[in-house]
Amino acid sequence: MEGSEKKFTLEELKQYDGKNGRTAYIAYKGKVYDVTDDPLWVEGDHQGEHKAGVDLTEELSQAPHGEEELDMVKLIGILVPSIDKKKNLCLNNLDKHVVKKTCISK
């Protein structure tokens, strides 16, 4: 998937909530997974415990199963930082001659 991975911000991920026939995506540890066809996810809901369209990294630490369950669903992309366009809080850092962008959301 490297190089061709789809990138999602948290705002974009919200669109994939699985409701009303929409696709259901979740994020975990910076990776985005498609849970649309998983029988344990119905209309973007996982057994009344979790909702699609969000980053579940912290919530899944409390789940009765481990992250290996995500091996059963399709990895489709990565989670990336959002840029606050109103406040323009995207900073450039120089690290070993490579310019990196570090974005801070408030």
N, C-alpha and C. Protein backbone atom coordinates (compact mmCIF):
# COMPACT_ATOMS: atom_id res chain seq x y z
N MET A 1 0.82 -1.19 0.00
CA MET A 1 0.00 0.00 0.00
C MET A 1 0.86 1.26 0.00
N GLU A 2 2.08 1.17 0.38
CA GLU A 2 2.98 2.30 0.49
C GLU A 2 3.04 3.09 -0.81
N GLY A 3 2.94 4.41 -0.71
CA GLY A 3 3.03 5.27 -1.88
C GLY A 3 1.68 5.55 -2.53
N SER A 4 0.77 4.58 -2.50
CA SER A 4 -0.53 4.77 -3.13
C SER A 4 -1.66 4.83 -2.11
N GLU A 5 -1.30 4.92 -0.84
CA GLU A 5 -2.32 4.90 0.19
C GLU A 5 -3.16 6.18 0.18
N LYS A 6 -4.44 6.02 0.43
CA LYS A 6 -5.35 7.15 0.50
C LYS A 6 -5.16 7.81 1.85
N LYS A 7 -5.23 9.12 1.86
CA LYS A 7 -5.02 9.88 3.09
C LYS A 7 -6.34 10.49 3.54
N PHE A 8 -6.59 10.40 4.85
CA PHE A 8 -7.82 10.92 5.44
C PHE A 8 -7.49 11.81 6.63
N THR A 9 -8.17 12.94 6.74
CA THR A 9 -8.13 13.72 7.98
C THR A 9 -9.30 13.21 8.83
N LEU A 10 -9.33 13.60 10.09
CA LEU A 10 -10.46 13.21 10.94
C LEU A 10 -11.77 13.75 10.39
N GLU A 11 -11.74 14.96 9.83
CA GLU A 11 -12.94 15.54 9.23
C GLU A 11 -13.43 14.70 8.06
N GLU A 12 -12.52 14.27 7.20
CA GLU A 12 -12.90 13.43 6.05
C GLU A 12 -13.42 12.08 6.51
N LEU A 13 -12.81 11.51 7.53
CA LEU A 13 -13.20 10.21 8.05
C LEU A 13 -14.65 10.21 8.53
N LYS A 14 -15.11 11.33 9.07
CA LYS A 14 -16.48 11.44 9.58
C LYS A 14 -17.53 11.13 8.51
N GLN A 15 -17.19 11.36 7.25
CA GLN A 15 -18.13 11.12 6.15
C GLN A 15 -18.41 9.63 5.96
N TYR A 16 -17.54 8.78 6.47
CA TYR A 16 -17.64 7.33 6.28
C TYR A 16 -18.17 6.67 7.55
N ASP A 17 -19.40 7.05 7.92
CA ASP A 17 -19.98 6.58 9.17
C ASP A 17 -20.85 5.33 9.03
N GLY A 18 -21.04 4.84 7.80
CA GLY A 18 -21.80 3.62 7.59
C GLY A 18 -23.31 3.78 7.65
N LYS A 19 -23.79 4.98 7.90
CA LYS A 19 -25.23 5.21 8.01
C LYS A 19 -25.85 5.46 6.64
N ASN A 20 -27.12 5.08 6.50
CA ASN A 20 -27.89 5.32 5.28
C ASN A 20 -27.19 4.82 4.02
N GLY A 21 -26.54 3.67 4.13
CA GLY A 21 -25.89 3.07 2.97
C GLY A 21 -24.48 3.59 2.67
N ARG A 22 -23.99 4.53 3.50
CA ARG A 22 -22.62 5.03 3.27
C ARG A 22 -21.60 3.99 3.70
N THR A 23 -20.41 4.09 3.13
CA THR A 23 -19.29 3.23 3.48
C THR A 23 -18.89 3.48 4.93
N ALA A 24 -18.40 2.44 5.61
CA ALA A 24 -18.00 2.56 7.02
C ALA A 24 -16.49 2.36 7.15
N TYR A 25 -15.79 3.42 7.58
CA TYR A 25 -14.35 3.36 7.81
C TYR A 25 -14.08 3.69 9.27
N ILE A 26 -13.03 3.08 9.79
CA ILE A 26 -12.54 3.43 11.13
C ILE A 26 -11.04 3.65 11.04
N ALA A 27 -10.51 4.39 12.00
CA ALA A 27 -9.06 4.57 12.09
C ALA A 27 -8.57 3.93 13.37
N TYR A 28 -7.35 3.39 13.29
CA TYR A 28 -6.70 2.79 14.46
C TYR A 28 -5.20 2.93 14.28
N LYS A 29 -4.56 3.57 15.25
CA LYS A 29 -3.11 3.78 15.24
C LYS A 29 -2.61 4.33 13.90
N GLY A 30 -3.32 5.33 13.39
CA GLY A 30 -2.89 6.02 12.18
C GLY A 30 -3.26 5.34 10.88
N LYS A 31 -3.91 4.19 10.94
CA LYS A 31 -4.31 3.48 9.73
C LYS A 31 -5.83 3.52 9.62
N VAL A 32 -6.33 3.53 8.37
CA VAL A 32 -7.77 3.58 8.13
C VAL A 32 -8.22 2.26 7.51
N TYR A 33 -9.28 1.70 8.08
CA TYR A 33 -9.80 0.40 7.66
C TYR A 33 -11.24 0.51 7.18
N ASP A 34 -11.61 -0.31 6.20
CA ASP A 34 -12.98 -0.38 5.69
C ASP A 34 -13.68 -1.53 6.39
N VAL A 35 -14.69 -1.20 7.22
CA VAL A 35 -15.44 -2.22 7.96
C VAL A 35 -16.85 -2.39 7.38
N THR A 36 -17.09 -1.83 6.21
CA THR A 36 -18.42 -1.84 5.60
C THR A 36 -19.02 -3.23 5.51
N ASP A 37 -18.25 -4.20 5.04
CA ASP A 37 -18.78 -5.54 4.80
C ASP A 37 -18.55 -6.51 5.96
N ASP A 38 -18.00 -6.02 7.05
CA ASP A 38 -17.79 -6.88 8.22
C ASP A 38 -19.15 -7.12 8.89
N PRO A 39 -19.54 -8.38 9.08
CA PRO A 39 -20.86 -8.65 9.67
C PRO A 39 -21.02 -8.15 11.11
N LEU A 40 -19.93 -7.81 11.78
CA LEU A 40 -20.03 -7.28 13.14
C LEU A 40 -20.25 -5.76 13.15
N TRP A 41 -20.21 -5.15 11.97
CA TRP A 41 -20.46 -3.72 11.84
C TRP A 41 -21.74 -3.55 11.01
N VAL A 42 -22.81 -3.09 11.64
CA VAL A 42 -24.09 -2.92 10.97
C VAL A 42 -24.46 -1.44 11.00
N GLU A 43 -24.66 -0.87 9.80
CA GLU A 43 -25.00 0.56 9.70
C GLU A 43 -24.00 1.43 10.47
N GLY A 44 -22.72 1.06 10.44
CA GLY A 44 -21.68 1.85 11.09
C GLY A 44 -21.59 1.67 12.59
N ASP A 45 -22.25 0.65 13.10
CA ASP A 45 -22.25 0.39 14.54
C ASP A 45 -21.67 -1.00 14.81
N HIS A 46 -20.74 -1.07 15.76
CA HIS A 46 -20.14 -2.34 16.14
C HIS A 46 -20.70 -2.78 17.49
N GLN A 47 -21.76 -3.58 17.43
CA GLN A 47 -22.37 -4.18 18.60
C GLN A 47 -22.73 -3.16 19.70
N GLY A 48 -23.10 -1.97 19.29
CA GLY A 48 -23.49 -0.94 20.25
C GLY A 48 -22.33 -0.33 21.03
N GLU A 49 -21.12 -0.71 20.69
CA GLU A 49 -19.95 -0.25 21.43
C GLU A 49 -19.13 0.82 20.70
N HIS A 50 -19.03 0.72 19.38
CA HIS A 50 -18.19 1.62 18.61
C HIS A 50 -18.93 2.10 17.37
N LYS A 51 -18.60 3.29 16.93
CA LYS A 51 -19.20 3.88 15.73
C LYS A 51 -18.13 4.06 14.66
N ALA A 52 -18.54 3.92 13.41
CA ALA A 52 -17.63 4.15 12.28
C ALA A 52 -17.50 5.65 12.04
N GLY A 53 -16.47 6.01 11.28
CA GLY A 53 -16.25 7.42 10.94
C GLY A 53 -15.37 8.16 11.93
N VAL A 54 -14.73 7.41 12.83
CA VAL A 54 -13.91 8.05 13.86
C VAL A 54 -12.61 7.27 14.08
N ASP A 55 -11.70 7.89 14.82
CA ASP A 55 -10.46 7.22 15.24
C ASP A 55 -10.77 6.44 16.51
N LEU A 56 -10.64 5.14 16.45
CA LEU A 56 -10.96 4.28 17.59
C LEU A 56 -9.72 3.83 18.37
N THR A 57 -8.61 4.48 18.18
CA THR A 57 -7.36 4.05 18.83
C THR A 57 -7.52 3.91 20.34
N GLU A 58 -8.05 4.92 20.99
CA GLU A 58 -8.18 4.86 22.45
C GLU A 58 -9.29 3.90 22.87
N GLU A 59 -10.40 3.92 22.15
CA GLU A 59 -11.53 3.05 22.50
C GLU A 59 -11.16 1.57 22.39
N LEU A 60 -10.40 1.21 21.36
CA LEU A 60 -10.08 -0.20 21.16
C LEU A 60 -9.14 -0.75 22.22
N SER A 61 -8.47 0.12 22.95
CA SER A 61 -7.63 -0.37 24.04
C SER A 61 -8.49 -0.99 25.15
N GLN A 62 -9.79 -0.64 25.17
CA GLN A 62 -10.73 -1.18 26.16
C GLN A 62 -11.55 -2.35 25.60
N ALA A 63 -11.35 -2.70 24.34
CA ALA A 63 -12.14 -3.76 23.70
C ALA A 63 -11.77 -5.13 24.25
N PRO A 64 -12.71 -6.08 24.22
CA PRO A 64 -12.43 -7.42 24.73
C PRO A 64 -11.54 -8.26 23.81
N HIS A 65 -11.21 -7.72 22.63
CA HIS A 65 -10.34 -8.43 21.69
C HIS A 65 -9.15 -7.55 21.36
N GLY A 66 -8.15 -8.11 20.74
CA GLY A 66 -6.96 -7.37 20.37
C GLY A 66 -7.05 -6.78 18.98
N GLU A 67 -6.01 -6.02 18.62
CA GLU A 67 -5.99 -5.37 17.31
C GLU A 67 -5.86 -6.35 16.15
N GLU A 68 -5.55 -7.61 16.45
CA GLU A 68 -5.45 -8.62 15.40
C GLU A 68 -6.78 -8.80 14.66
N GLU A 69 -7.88 -8.40 15.26
CA GLU A 69 -9.18 -8.48 14.60
C GLU A 69 -9.22 -7.59 13.35
N LEU A 70 -8.39 -6.56 13.33
CA LEU A 70 -8.36 -5.67 12.17
C LEU A 70 -7.71 -6.33 10.96
N ASP A 71 -7.01 -7.44 11.17
CA ASP A 71 -6.44 -8.18 10.05
C ASP A 71 -7.52 -8.76 9.15
N MET A 72 -8.75 -8.82 9.66
CA MET A 72 -9.86 -9.40 8.90
C MET A 72 -10.58 -8.38 8.02
N VAL A 73 -10.24 -7.10 8.16
CA VAL A 73 -10.86 -6.06 7.34
C VAL A 73 -9.80 -5.39 6.48
N LYS A 74 -10.25 -4.69 5.45
CA LYS A 74 -9.33 -4.12 4.48
C LYS A 74 -8.70 -2.82 4.95
N LEU A 75 -7.38 -2.77 4.93
CA LEU A 75 -6.63 -1.54 5.20
C LEU A 75 -6.69 -0.70 3.93
N ILE A 76 -7.19 0.54 4.05
CA ILE A 76 -7.38 1.35 2.85
C ILE A 76 -6.61 2.66 2.83
N GLY A 77 -6.04 3.06 3.96
CA GLY A 77 -5.33 4.33 3.96
C GLY A 77 -4.72 4.68 5.30
N ILE A 78 -4.35 5.95 5.41
CA ILE A 78 -3.73 6.44 6.64
C ILE A 78 -4.44 7.71 7.10
N LEU A 79 -4.33 7.98 8.38
CA LEU A 79 -4.87 9.18 8.98
C LEU A 79 -3.78 10.25 8.97
N VAL A 80 -4.12 11.45 8.52
CA VAL A 80 -3.15 12.54 8.45
C VAL A 80 -3.68 13.74 9.26
N PRO A 81 -2.78 14.62 9.69
CA PRO A 81 -3.22 15.80 10.45
C PRO A 81 -4.04 16.74 9.58
N SER A 82 -4.93 17.46 10.24
CA SER A 82 -5.72 18.48 9.57
C SER A 82 -4.98 19.81 9.64
N ILE A 83 -5.27 20.66 8.68
CA ILE A 83 -4.72 22.02 8.70
C ILE A 83 -5.87 22.96 9.00
N ASP A 84 -5.71 23.76 10.04
CA ASP A 84 -6.71 24.76 10.38
C ASP A 84 -6.53 25.94 9.44
N LYS A 85 -7.34 26.02 8.40
CA LYS A 85 -7.17 27.06 7.39
C LYS A 85 -7.45 28.45 7.93
N LYS A 86 -8.36 28.55 8.90
CA LYS A 86 -8.68 29.86 9.47
C LYS A 86 -7.50 30.42 10.27
N LYS A 87 -6.86 29.57 11.03
CA LYS A 87 -5.76 30.01 11.89
C LYS A 87 -4.41 29.75 11.27
N ASN A 88 -4.38 29.00 10.14
CA ASN A 88 -3.14 28.67 9.43
C ASN A 88 -2.08 28.14 10.39
N LEU A 89 -2.44 27.10 11.13
CA LEU A 89 -1.54 26.54 12.13
C LEU A 89 -0.75 25.36 11.58
N CYS A 90 -0.17 25.53 10.43
CA CYS A 90 0.67 24.49 9.86
C CYS A 90 2.10 25.03 9.86
N LEU A 91 2.98 24.34 10.57
CA LEU A 91 4.34 24.83 10.76
C LEU A 91 5.32 24.02 9.93
N ASN A 92 6.33 24.66 9.40
CA ASN A 92 7.39 23.96 8.68
C ASN A 92 8.58 23.76 9.60
N ASN A 93 9.11 22.55 9.63
CA ASN A 93 10.30 22.23 10.43
C ASN A 93 11.38 21.68 9.52
N LEU A 94 12.62 22.05 9.79
CA LEU A 94 13.73 21.52 9.01
C LEU A 94 14.38 20.41 9.82
N ASP A 95 14.42 19.20 9.27
CA ASP A 95 14.99 18.06 9.97
C ASP A 95 15.88 17.31 9.00
N LYS A 96 17.20 17.41 9.19
CA LYS A 96 18.18 16.73 8.34
C LYS A 96 17.96 17.05 6.86
N HIS A 97 17.79 18.33 6.57
CA HIS A 97 17.64 18.84 5.21
C HIS A 97 16.35 18.40 4.52
N VAL A 98 15.39 17.93 5.30
CA VAL A 98 14.10 17.57 4.73
C VAL A 98 13.05 18.44 5.39
N VAL A 99 12.27 19.12 4.60
CA VAL A 99 11.22 19.97 5.15
C VAL A 99 10.02 19.10 5.49
N LYS A 100 9.58 19.19 6.72
CA LYS A 100 8.41 18.46 7.15
C LYS A 100 7.35 19.47 7.56
N LYS A 101 6.10 19.10 7.40
CA LYS A 101 5.02 19.95 7.86
C LYS A 101 4.44 19.35 9.12
N THR A 102 4.36 20.14 10.17
CA THR A 102 3.75 19.73 11.40
C THR A 102 2.55 20.62 11.60
N CYS A 103 1.38 20.04 11.62
CA CYS A 103 0.15 20.82 11.73
C CYS A 103 -0.43 20.67 13.12
N ILE A 104 -0.86 21.79 13.66
CA ILE A 104 -1.42 21.81 15.01
C ILE A 104 -2.86 22.27 14.90
N SER A 105 -3.78 21.48 15.42
CA SER A 105 -5.20 21.86 15.41
C SER A 105 -5.59 22.30 16.80
N LYS A 106 -6.34 23.38 16.87
CA LYS A 106 -6.84 23.86 18.17
C LYS A 106 -8.32 23.97 18.12
